[in-house]
């Protein structure tokens, strides 16, 4: 999407949907002992990390989209959400709640 020159709002929506899909995979793997037996434990961390990564990227892109429309207050709000998450030590991070 970035290479195709899509807008920041479109990229944010794609990123948010990707984050939601990774979170669903994380929840399925985490809640099913049978599936956990078939996957390495690193997959839980991997899917959780990917969900968080795409959610952070989506929030950043959404802040850029708001900034482009001169909605500075909303842009700052999204950037603060990103900063609040990335400023936490890794050991303290919990899955993000994927509500806008």
PDB file of N, CA and C in Angstrom:
ATOM      1  N   UNK A   1       0.823  -1.191   0.000  1.00  0.00           N
ATOM      2  CA  UNK A   1       0.000   0.000   0.000  1.00  0.00           C
ATOM      3  C   UNK A   1       0.870   1.259   0.000  1.00  0.00           C
ATOM      4  N   UNK A   2       1.949   1.226   0.765  1.00  0.00           N
ATOM      5  CA  UNK A   2       2.842   2.385   0.800  1.00  0.00           C
ATOM      6  C   UNK A   2       3.496   2.571  -0.556  1.00  0.00           C
ATOM      7  N   UNK A   3       3.974   1.482  -1.143  1.00  0.00           N
ATOM      8  CA  UNK A   3       4.631   1.557  -2.448  1.00  0.00           C
ATOM      9  C   UNK A   3       3.662   2.005  -3.541  1.00  0.00           C
ATOM     10  N   UNK A   4       2.376   1.704  -3.365  1.00  0.00           N
ATOM     11  CA  UNK A   4       1.366   2.101  -4.341  1.00  0.00           C
ATOM     12  C   UNK A   4       0.903   3.539  -4.160  1.00  0.00           C
ATOM     13  N   UNK A   5       1.430   4.211  -3.133  1.00  0.00           N
ATOM     14  CA  UNK A   5       1.077   5.608  -2.904  1.00  0.00           C
ATOM     15  C   UNK A   5      -0.290   5.811  -2.280  1.00  0.00           C
ATOM     16  N   UNK A   6      -0.764   4.827  -1.537  1.00  0.00           N
ATOM     17  CA  UNK A   6      -2.067   4.963  -0.870  1.00  0.00           C
ATOM     18  C   UNK A   6      -1.975   6.022   0.228  1.00  0.00           C
ATOM     19  N   UNK A   7      -3.114   6.577   0.591  1.00  0.00           N
ATOM     20  CA  UNK A   7      -3.145   7.620   1.621  1.00  0.00           C
ATOM     21  C   UNK A   7      -2.859   7.014   2.996  1.00  0.00           C
ATOM     22  N   UNK A   8      -2.480   7.885   3.929  1.00  0.00           N
ATOM     23  CA  UNK A   8      -2.210   7.426   5.288  1.00  0.00           C
ATOM     24  C   UNK A   8      -3.443   6.832   5.939  1.00  0.00           C
ATOM     25  N   UNK A   9      -4.618   7.353   5.615  1.00  0.00           N
ATOM     26  CA  UNK A   9      -5.851   6.803   6.189  1.00  0.00           C
ATOM     27  C   UNK A   9      -6.084   5.368   5.721  1.00  0.00           C
ATOM     28  N   UNK A  10      -5.834   5.095   4.454  1.00  0.00           N
ATOM     29  CA  UNK A  10      -6.001   3.737   3.915  1.00  0.00           C
ATOM     30  C   UNK A  10      -4.971   2.800   4.545  1.00  0.00           C
ATOM     31  N   UNK A  11      -3.746   3.252   4.647  1.00  0.00           N
ATOM     32  CA  UNK A  11      -2.690   2.430   5.258  1.00  0.00           C
ATOM     33  C   UNK A  11      -3.026   2.147   6.720  1.00  0.00           C
ATOM     34  N   UNK A  12      -3.569   3.140   7.422  1.00  0.00           N
ATOM     35  CA  UNK A  12      -3.957   2.943   8.825  1.00  0.00           C
ATOM     36  C   UNK A  12      -5.047   1.883   8.941  1.00  0.00           C
ATOM     37  N   UNK A  13      -6.031   1.923   8.043  1.00  0.00           N
ATOM     38  CA  UNK A  13      -7.110   0.927   8.078  1.00  0.00           C
ATOM     39  C   UNK A  13      -6.586  -0.469   7.797  1.00  0.00           C
ATOM     40  N   UNK A  14      -5.689  -0.583   6.831  1.00  0.00           N
ATOM     41  CA  UNK A  14      -5.097  -1.890   6.533  1.00  0.00           C
ATOM     42  C   UNK A  14      -4.265  -2.400   7.707  1.00  0.00           C
ATOM     43  N   UNK A  15      -3.510  -1.504   8.319  1.00  0.00           N
ATOM     44  CA  UNK A  15      -2.704  -1.879   9.479  1.00  0.00           C
ATOM     45  C   UNK A  15      -3.550  -2.316  10.651  1.00  0.00           C
ATOM     46  N   UNK A  16      -4.659  -1.613  10.890  1.00  0.00           N
ATOM     47  CA  UNK A  16      -5.548  -1.964  11.995  1.00  0.00           C
ATOM     48  C   UNK A  16      -6.169  -3.341  11.766  1.00  0.00           C
ATOM     49  N   UNK A  17      -6.590  -3.599  10.529  1.00  0.00           N
ATOM     50  CA  UNK A  17      -7.179  -4.905  10.226  1.00  0.00           C
ATOM     51  C   UNK A  17      -6.145  -6.021  10.379  1.00  0.00           C
ATOM     52  N   UNK A  18      -4.932  -5.762   9.950  1.00  0.00           N
ATOM     53  CA  UNK A  18      -3.858  -6.748  10.113  1.00  0.00           C
ATOM     54  C   UNK A  18      -3.605  -7.022  11.588  1.00  0.00           C
ATOM     55  N   UNK A  19      -3.598  -5.954  12.401  1.00  0.00           N
ATOM     56  CA  UNK A  19      -3.397  -6.117  13.845  1.00  0.00           C
ATOM     57  C   UNK A  19      -4.510  -6.955  14.458  1.00  0.00           C
ATOM     58  N   UNK A  20      -5.730  -6.721  14.026  1.00  0.00           N
ATOM     59  CA  UNK A  20      -6.868  -7.486  14.549  1.00  0.00           C
ATOM     60  C   UNK A  20      -6.737  -8.961  14.186  1.00  0.00           C
ATOM     61  N   UNK A  21      -6.321  -9.247  12.958  1.00  0.00           N
ATOM     62  CA  UNK A  21      -6.160 -10.651  12.544  1.00  0.00           C
ATOM     63  C   UNK A  21      -5.059 -11.345  13.348  1.00  0.00           C
ATOM     64  N   UNK A  22      -3.934 -10.654  13.562  1.00  0.00           N
ATOM     65  CA  UNK A  22      -2.870 -11.252  14.383  1.00  0.00           C
ATOM     66  C   UNK A  22      -3.339 -11.460  15.823  1.00  0.00           C
ATOM     67  N   UNK A  23      -4.127 -10.520  16.338  1.00  0.00           N
ATOM     68  CA  UNK A  23      -4.628 -10.690  17.704  1.00  0.00           C
ATOM     69  C   UNK A  23      -5.572 -11.886  17.794  1.00  0.00           C
ATOM     70  N   UNK A  24      -6.382 -12.087  16.771  1.00  0.00           N
ATOM     71  CA  UNK A  24      -7.272 -13.253  16.757  1.00  0.00           C
ATOM     72  C   UNK A  24      -6.471 -14.547  16.758  1.00  0.00           C
ATOM     73  N   UNK A  25      -5.410 -14.595  15.967  1.00  0.00           N
ATOM     74  CA  UNK A  25      -4.559 -15.784  15.951  1.00  0.00           C
ATOM     75  C   UNK A  25      -3.941 -16.001  17.330  1.00  0.00           C
ATOM     76  N   UNK A  26      -3.465 -14.905  17.951  1.00  0.00           N
ATOM     77  CA  UNK A  26      -2.881 -15.008  19.289  1.00  0.00           C
ATOM     78  C   UNK A  26      -3.896 -15.577  20.281  1.00  0.00           C
ATOM     79  N   UNK A  27      -5.112 -15.060  20.255  1.00  0.00           N
ATOM     80  CA  UNK A  27      -6.148 -15.534  21.184  1.00  0.00           C
ATOM     81  C   UNK A  27      -6.489 -16.996  20.943  1.00  0.00           C
ATOM     82  N   UNK A  28      -6.559 -17.396  19.680  1.00  0.00           N
ATOM     83  CA  UNK A  28      -6.871 -18.792  19.358  1.00  0.00           C
ATOM     84  C   UNK A  28      -5.763 -19.715  19.855  1.00  0.00           C
ATOM     85  N   UNK A  29      -4.507 -19.336  19.561  1.00  0.00           N
ATOM     86  CA  UNK A  29      -3.389 -20.168  20.011  1.00  0.00           C
ATOM     87  C   UNK A  29      -3.280 -20.197  21.527  1.00  0.00           C
ATOM     88  N   UNK A  30      -3.516 -19.067  22.153  1.00  0.00           N
ATOM     89  CA  UNK A  30      -3.370 -18.959  23.601  1.00  0.00           C
ATOM     90  C   UNK A  30      -4.472 -19.706  24.342  1.00  0.00           C
ATOM     91  N   UNK A  31      -5.644 -19.813  23.738  1.00  0.00           N
ATOM     92  CA  UNK A  31      -6.766 -20.432  24.426  1.00  0.00           C
ATOM     93  C   UNK A  31      -7.019 -21.883  24.070  1.00  0.00           C
ATOM     94  N   UNK A  32      -6.152 -22.494  23.292  1.00  0.00           N
ATOM     95  CA  UNK A  32      -6.403 -23.851  22.828  1.00  0.00           C
ATOM     96  C   UNK A  32      -5.164 -24.704  23.076  1.00  0.00           C
ATOM     97  N   UNK A  33      -5.235 -25.568  24.074  1.00  0.00           N
ATOM     98  CA  UNK A  33      -4.090 -26.400  24.446  1.00  0.00           C
ATOM     99  C   UNK A  33      -3.695 -27.366  23.329  1.00  0.00           C
ATOM    100  N   UNK A  34      -4.676 -27.832  22.565  1.00  0.00           N
ATOM    101  CA  UNK A  34      -4.382 -28.748  21.464  1.00  0.00           C
ATOM    102  C   UNK A  34      -3.534 -28.065  20.408  1.00  0.00           C
ATOM    103  N   UNK A  35      -3.912 -26.838  20.054  1.00  0.00           N
ATOM    104  CA  UNK A  35      -3.124 -26.096  19.071  1.00  0.00           C
ATOM    105  C   UNK A  35      -1.744 -25.745  19.615  1.00  0.00           C
ATOM    106  N   UNK A  36      -1.675 -25.405  20.894  1.00  0.00           N
ATOM    107  CA  UNK A  36      -0.378 -25.065  21.488  1.00  0.00           C
ATOM    108  C   UNK A  36       0.598 -26.230  21.391  1.00  0.00           C
ATOM    109  N   UNK A  37       0.077 -27.451  21.443  1.00  0.00           N
ATOM    110  CA  UNK A  37       0.936 -28.624  21.349  1.00  0.00           C
ATOM    111  C   UNK A  37       1.555 -28.761  19.955  1.00  0.00           C
ATOM    112  N   UNK A  38       0.893 -28.192  18.944  1.00  0.00           N
ATOM    113  CA  UNK A  38       1.382 -28.302  17.573  1.00  0.00           C
ATOM    114  C   UNK A  38       2.265 -27.145  17.135  1.00  0.00           C
ATOM    115  N   UNK A  39       2.292 -26.085  17.910  1.00  0.00           N
ATOM    116  CA  UNK A  39       3.087 -24.913  17.556  1.00  0.00           C
ATOM    117  C   UNK A  39       4.140 -24.657  18.610  1.00  0.00           C
ATOM    118  N   UNK A  40       5.267 -24.165  18.163  1.00  0.00           N
ATOM    119  CA  UNK A  40       6.319 -23.753  19.086  1.00  0.00           C
ATOM    120  C   UNK A  40       5.807 -22.589  19.934  1.00  0.00           C
ATOM    121  N   UNK A  41       6.296 -22.499  21.178  1.00  0.00           N
ATOM    122  CA  UNK A  41       5.853 -21.432  22.070  1.00  0.00           C
ATOM    123  C   UNK A  41       6.169 -20.042  21.518  1.00  0.00           C
ATOM    124  N   UNK A  42       7.162 -19.960  20.668  1.00  0.00           N
ATOM    125  CA  UNK A  42       7.536 -18.655  20.125  1.00  0.00           C
ATOM    126  C   UNK A  42       6.440 -18.055  19.237  1.00  0.00           C
ATOM    127  N   UNK A  43       5.524 -18.881  18.748  1.00  0.00           N
ATOM    128  CA  UNK A  43       4.441 -18.361  17.919  1.00  0.00           C
ATOM    129  C   UNK A  43       3.508 -17.457  18.699  1.00  0.00           C
ATOM    130  N   UNK A  44       3.304 -17.746  19.979  1.00  0.00           N
ATOM    131  CA  UNK A  44       2.479 -16.874  20.814  1.00  0.00           C
ATOM    132  C   UNK A  44       3.097 -15.476  20.889  1.00  0.00           C
ATOM    133  N   UNK A  45       4.378 -15.445  21.191  1.00  0.00           N
ATOM    134  CA  UNK A  45       5.077 -14.167  21.274  1.00  0.00           C
ATOM    135  C   UNK A  45       5.111 -13.472  19.919  1.00  0.00           C
ATOM    136  N   UNK A  46       5.321 -14.245  18.874  1.00  0.00           N
ATOM    137  CA  UNK A  46       5.390 -13.689  17.526  1.00  0.00           C
ATOM    138  C   UNK A  46       4.063 -13.042  17.122  1.00  0.00           C
ATOM    139  N   UNK A  47       2.959 -13.738  17.317  1.00  0.00           N
ATOM    140  CA  UNK A  47       1.666 -13.191  16.913  1.00  0.00           C
ATOM    141  C   UNK A  47       1.269 -12.003  17.779  1.00  0.00           C
ATOM    142  N   UNK A  48       1.599 -12.059  19.055  1.00  0.00           N
ATOM    143  CA  UNK A  48       1.302 -10.921  19.928  1.00  0.00           C
ATOM    144  C   UNK A  48       2.126  -9.708  19.510  1.00  0.00           C
ATOM    145  N   UNK A  49       3.393  -9.927  19.235  1.00  0.00           N
ATOM    146  CA  UNK A  49       4.271  -8.838  18.812  1.00  0.00           C
ATOM    147  C   UNK A  49       3.839  -8.222  17.491  1.00  0.00           C
ATOM    148  N   UNK A  50       3.451  -9.068  16.540  1.00  0.00           N
ATOM    149  CA  UNK A  50       2.988  -8.566  15.246  1.00  0.00           C
ATOM    150  C   UNK A  50       1.706  -7.753  15.407  1.00  0.00           C
ATOM    151  N   UNK A  51       0.806  -8.220  16.249  1.00  0.00           N
ATOM    152  CA  UNK A  51      -0.425  -7.481  16.498  1.00  0.00           C
ATOM    153  C   UNK A  51      -0.106  -6.095  17.058  1.00  0.00           C
ATOM    154  N   UNK A  52       0.775  -6.044  18.018  1.00  0.00           N
ATOM    155  CA  UNK A  52       1.154  -4.770  18.617  1.00  0.00           C
ATOM    156  C   UNK A  52       1.857  -3.872  17.600  1.00  0.00           C
ATOM    157  N   UNK A  53       2.742  -4.439  16.802  1.00  0.00           N
ATOM    158  CA  UNK A  53       3.470  -3.675  15.796  1.00  0.00           C
ATOM    159  C   UNK A  53       2.515  -3.024  14.797  1.00  0.00           C
ATOM    160  N   UNK A  54       1.608  -3.816  14.243  1.00  0.00           N
ATOM    161  CA  UNK A  54       0.694  -3.273  13.246  1.00  0.00           C
ATOM    162  C   UNK A  54      -0.287  -2.271  13.863  1.00  0.00           C
ATOM    163  N   UNK A  55      -0.673  -2.493  15.118  1.00  0.00           N
ATOM    164  CA  UNK A  55      -1.554  -1.537  15.772  1.00  0.00           C
ATOM    165  C   UNK A  55      -0.835  -0.200  15.971  1.00  0.00           C
ATOM    166  N   UNK A  56       0.406  -0.248  16.389  1.00  0.00           N
ATOM    167  CA  UNK A  56       1.186   0.981  16.574  1.00  0.00           C
ATOM    168  C   UNK A  56       1.377   1.693  15.241  1.00  0.00           C
ATOM    169  N   UNK A  57       1.698   0.938  14.194  1.00  0.00           N
ATOM    170  CA  UNK A  57       1.860   1.546  12.874  1.00  0.00           C
ATOM    171  C   UNK A  57       0.552   2.173  12.396  1.00  0.00           C
ATOM    172  N   UNK A  58      -0.564   1.504  12.654  1.00  0.00           N
ATOM    173  CA  UNK A  58      -1.867   2.035  12.242  1.00  0.00           C
ATOM    174  C   UNK A  58      -2.179   3.331  12.973  1.00  0.00           C
ATOM    175  N   UNK A  59      -1.897   3.360  14.266  1.00  0.00           N
ATOM    176  CA  UNK A  59      -2.146   4.587  15.039  1.00  0.00           C
ATOM    177  C   UNK A  59      -1.254   5.725  14.554  1.00  0.00           C
ATOM    178  N   UNK A  60      -0.007   5.419  14.228  1.00  0.00           N
ATOM    179  CA  UNK A  60       0.899   6.441  13.706  1.00  0.00           C
ATOM    180  C   UNK A  60       0.387   6.979  12.369  1.00  0.00           C
ATOM    181  N   UNK A  61       0.004   6.087  11.471  1.00  0.00           N
ATOM    182  CA  UNK A  61      -0.505   6.510  10.166  1.00  0.00           C
ATOM    183  C   UNK A  61      -1.813   7.287  10.313  1.00  0.00           C
ATOM    184  N   UNK A  62      -2.634   6.889  11.283  1.00  0.00           N
ATOM    185  CA  UNK A  62      -3.874   7.623  11.510  1.00  0.00           C
ATOM    186  C   UNK A  62      -3.567   9.036  12.006  1.00  0.00           C
ATOM    187  N   UNK A  63      -2.544   9.166  12.836  1.00  0.00           N
ATOM    188  CA  UNK A  63      -2.159  10.508  13.285  1.00  0.00           C
ATOM    189  C   UNK A  63      -1.700  11.363  12.103  1.00  0.00           C
ATOM    190  N   UNK A  64      -0.968  10.767  11.166  1.00  0.00           N
ATOM    191  CA  UNK A  64      -0.549  11.506   9.973  1.00  0.00           C
ATOM    192  C   UNK A  64      -1.752  11.914   9.119  1.00  0.00           C
ATOM    193  N   UNK A  65      -2.730  11.029   9.012  1.00  0.00           N
ATOM    194  CA  UNK A  65      -3.932  11.342   8.240  1.00  0.00           C
ATOM    195  C   UNK A  65      -4.683  12.516   8.863  1.00  0.00           C
ATOM    196  N   UNK A  66      -4.783  12.524  10.185  1.00  0.00           N
ATOM    197  CA  UNK A  66      -5.452  13.641  10.858  1.00  0.00           C
ATOM    198  C   UNK A  66      -4.651  14.933  10.701  1.00  0.00           C
ATOM    199  N   UNK A  67      -3.348  14.816  10.787  1.00  0.00           N
ATOM    200  CA  UNK A  67      -2.492  16.001  10.623  1.00  0.00           C
ATOM    201  C   UNK A  67      -2.646  16.596   9.224  1.00  0.00           C
ATOM    202  N   UNK A  68      -2.743  15.743   8.216  1.00  0.00           N
ATOM    203  CA  UNK A  68      -2.930  16.223   6.841  1.00  0.00           C
ATOM    204  C   UNK A  68      -4.239  16.978   6.668  1.00  0.00           C
ATOM    205  N   UNK A  69      -5.243  16.635   7.491  1.00  0.00           N
ATOM    206  CA  UNK A  69      -6.540  17.320   7.422  1.00  0.00           C
ATOM    207  C   UNK A  69      -6.617  18.476   8.423  1.00  0.00           C
ATOM    208  N   UNK A  70      -5.471  18.864   8.986  1.00  0.00           N
ATOM    209  CA  UNK A  70      -5.383  19.938   9.983  1.00  0.00           C
ATOM    210  C   UNK A  70      -6.177  19.636  11.248  1.00  0.00           C
ATOM    211  N   UNK A  71      -6.318  18.371  11.570  1.00  0.00           N
ATOM    212  CA  UNK A  71      -6.945  17.936  12.813  1.00  0.00           C
ATOM    213  C   UNK A  71      -5.833  17.597  13.797  1.00  0.00           C
ATOM    214  N   UNK A  72      -5.169  18.649  14.246  1.00  0.00           N
ATOM    215  CA  UNK A  72      -3.947  18.488  15.040  1.00  0.00           C
ATOM    216  C   UNK A  72      -4.220  17.821  16.381  1.00  0.00           C
ATOM    217  N   UNK A  73      -5.333  18.152  17.013  1.00  0.00           N
ATOM    218  CA  UNK A  73      -5.648  17.555  18.316  1.00  0.00           C
ATOM    219  C   UNK A  73      -5.778  16.034  18.208  1.00  0.00           C
ATOM    220  N   UNK A  74      -6.466  15.569  17.176  1.00  0.00           N
ATOM    221  CA  UNK A  74      -6.594  14.120  16.983  1.00  0.00           C
ATOM    222  C   UNK A  74      -5.251  13.484  16.642  1.00  0.00           C
ATOM    223  N   UNK A  75      -4.446  14.174  15.859  1.00  0.00           N
ATOM    224  CA  UNK A  75      -3.118  13.657  15.519  1.00  0.00           C
ATOM    225  C   UNK A  75      -2.288  13.480  16.780  1.00  0.00           C
ATOM    226  N   UNK A  76      -2.336  14.467  17.664  1.00  0.00           N
ATOM    227  CA  UNK A  76      -1.583  14.391  18.921  1.00  0.00           C
ATOM    228  C   UNK A  76      -2.113  13.251  19.784  1.00  0.00           C
ATOM    229  N   UNK A  77      -3.418  13.075  19.803  1.00  0.00           N
ATOM    230  CA  UNK A  77      -4.017  11.990  20.589  1.00  0.00           C
ATOM    231  C   UNK A  77      -3.489  10.624  20.157  1.00  0.00           C
ATOM    232  N   UNK A  78      -3.453  10.389  18.847  1.00  0.00           N
ATOM    233  CA  UNK A  78      -2.942   9.109  18.345  1.00  0.00           C
ATOM    234  C   UNK A  78      -1.455   8.949  18.634  1.00  0.00           C
ATOM    235  N   UNK A  79      -0.704  10.020  18.506  1.00  0.00           N
ATOM    236  CA  UNK A  79       0.733   9.936  18.803  1.00  0.00           C
ATOM    237  C   UNK A  79       0.970   9.660  20.285  1.00  0.00           C
ATOM    238  N   UNK A  80       0.148  10.227  21.142  1.00  0.00           N
ATOM    239  CA  UNK A  80       0.286   9.950  22.585  1.00  0.00           C
ATOM    240  C   UNK A  80      -0.001   8.485  22.888  1.00  0.00           C
ATOM    241  N   UNK A  81      -0.986   7.902  22.192  1.00  0.00           N
ATOM    242  CA  UNK A  81      -1.269   6.483  22.385  1.00  0.00           C
ATOM    243  C   UNK A  81      -0.057   5.639  21.988  1.00  0.00           C
ATOM    244  N   UNK A  82       0.549   5.999  20.864  1.00  0.00           N
ATOM    245  CA  UNK A  82       1.739   5.276  20.407  1.00  0.00           C
ATOM    246  C   UNK A  82       2.856   5.429  21.423  1.00  0.00           C
ATOM    247  N   UNK A  83       3.096   6.661  21.857  1.00  0.00           N
ATOM    248  CA  UNK A  83       4.188   6.923  22.793  1.00  0.00           C
ATOM    249  C   UNK A  83       3.966   6.203  24.118  1.00  0.00           C
ATOM    250  N   UNK A  84       2.734   6.176  24.601  1.00  0.00           N
ATOM    251  CA  UNK A  84       2.436   5.491  25.862  1.00  0.00           C
ATOM    252  C   UNK A  84       2.795   4.014  25.778  1.00  0.00           C
ATOM    253  N   UNK A  85       2.558   3.408  24.628  1.00  0.00           N
ATOM    254  CA  UNK A  85       2.875   1.989  24.493  1.00  0.00           C
ATOM    255  C   UNK A  85       4.368   1.751  24.322  1.00  0.00           C
ATOM    256  N   UNK A  86       5.011   2.497  23.429  1.00  0.00           N
ATOM    257  CA  UNK A  86       6.416   2.211  23.143  1.00  0.00           C
ATOM    258  C   UNK A  86       7.341   2.650  24.270  1.00  0.00           C
ATOM    259  N   UNK A  87       6.860   3.484  25.185  1.00  0.00           N
ATOM    260  CA  UNK A  87       7.714   3.906  26.289  1.00  0.00           C
ATOM    261  C   UNK A  87       7.698   2.917  27.450  1.00  0.00           C
ATOM    262  N   UNK A  88       6.820   1.912  27.387  1.00  0.00           N
ATOM    263  CA  UNK A  88       6.794   0.877  28.424  1.00  0.00           C
ATOM    264  C   UNK A  88       7.945  -0.093  28.214  1.00  0.00           C
ATOM    265  N   UNK A  89       8.528  -0.581  29.309  1.00  0.00           N
ATOM    266  CA  UNK A  89       9.511  -1.647  29.147  1.00  0.00           C
ATOM    267  C   UNK A  89       8.855  -2.880  28.536  1.00  0.00           C
ATOM    268  N   UNK A  90       9.602  -3.632  27.765  1.00  0.00           N
ATOM    269  CA  UNK A  90       9.059  -4.796  27.062  1.00  0.00           C
ATOM    270  C   UNK A  90       8.439  -5.788  28.028  1.00  0.00           C
ATOM    271  N   UNK A  91       9.039  -6.000  29.163  1.00  0.00           N
ATOM    272  CA  UNK A  91       8.520  -6.999  30.099  1.00  0.00           C
ATOM    273  C   UNK A  91       7.150  -6.614  30.645  1.00  0.00           C
ATOM    274  N   UNK A  92       6.788  -5.314  30.615  1.00  0.00           N
ATOM    275  CA  UNK A  92       5.515  -4.867  31.153  1.00  0.00           C
ATOM    276  C   UNK A  92       4.409  -4.794  30.115  1.00  0.00           C
ATOM    277  N   UNK A  93       4.740  -5.025  28.866  1.00  0.00           N
ATOM    278  CA  UNK A  93       3.745  -4.820  27.821  1.00  0.00           C
ATOM    279  C   UNK A  93       2.709  -5.934  27.813  1.00  0.00           C
ATOM    280  N   UNK A  94       1.498  -5.517  27.676  1.00  0.00           N
ATOM    281  CA  UNK A  94       0.363  -6.418  27.565  1.00  0.00           C
ATOM    282  C   UNK A  94      -0.220  -6.242  26.173  1.00  0.00           C
ATOM    283  N   UNK A  95      -1.042  -7.162  25.716  1.00  0.00           N
ATOM    284  CA  UNK A  95      -1.675  -6.972  24.411  1.00  0.00           C
ATOM    285  C   UNK A  95      -2.469  -5.673  24.404  1.00  0.00           C
ATOM    286  N   UNK A  96      -2.369  -4.976  23.288  1.00  0.00           N
ATOM    287  CA  UNK A  96      -3.137  -3.747  23.141  1.00  0.00           C
ATOM    288  C   UNK A  96      -4.604  -4.088  22.980  1.00  0.00           C
ATOM    289  N   UNK A  97      -5.449  -3.232  23.485  1.00  0.00           N
ATOM    290  CA  UNK A  97      -6.868  -3.385  23.197  1.00  0.00           C
ATOM    291  C   UNK A  97      -7.100  -2.657  21.889  1.00  0.00           C
ATOM    292  N   UNK A  98      -7.590  -3.343  20.942  1.00  0.00           N
ATOM    293  CA  UNK A  98      -7.680  -2.811  19.589  1.00  0.00           C
ATOM    294  C   UNK A  98      -8.970  -2.028  19.366  1.00  0.00           C
ATOM    295  N   UNK A  99      -9.141  -1.024  20.184  1.00  0.00           N
ATOM    296  CA  UNK A  99     -10.237  -0.090  19.926  1.00  0.00           C
ATOM    297  C   UNK A  99      -9.588   1.201  19.485  1.00  0.00           C
ATOM    298  N   UNK A 100     -10.105   1.762  18.434  1.00  0.00           N
ATOM    299  CA  UNK A 100      -9.517   2.976  17.860  1.00  0.00           C
ATOM    300  C   UNK A 100      -9.096   3.838  18.961  1.00  0.00           C
TER     301      UNK A 100
END
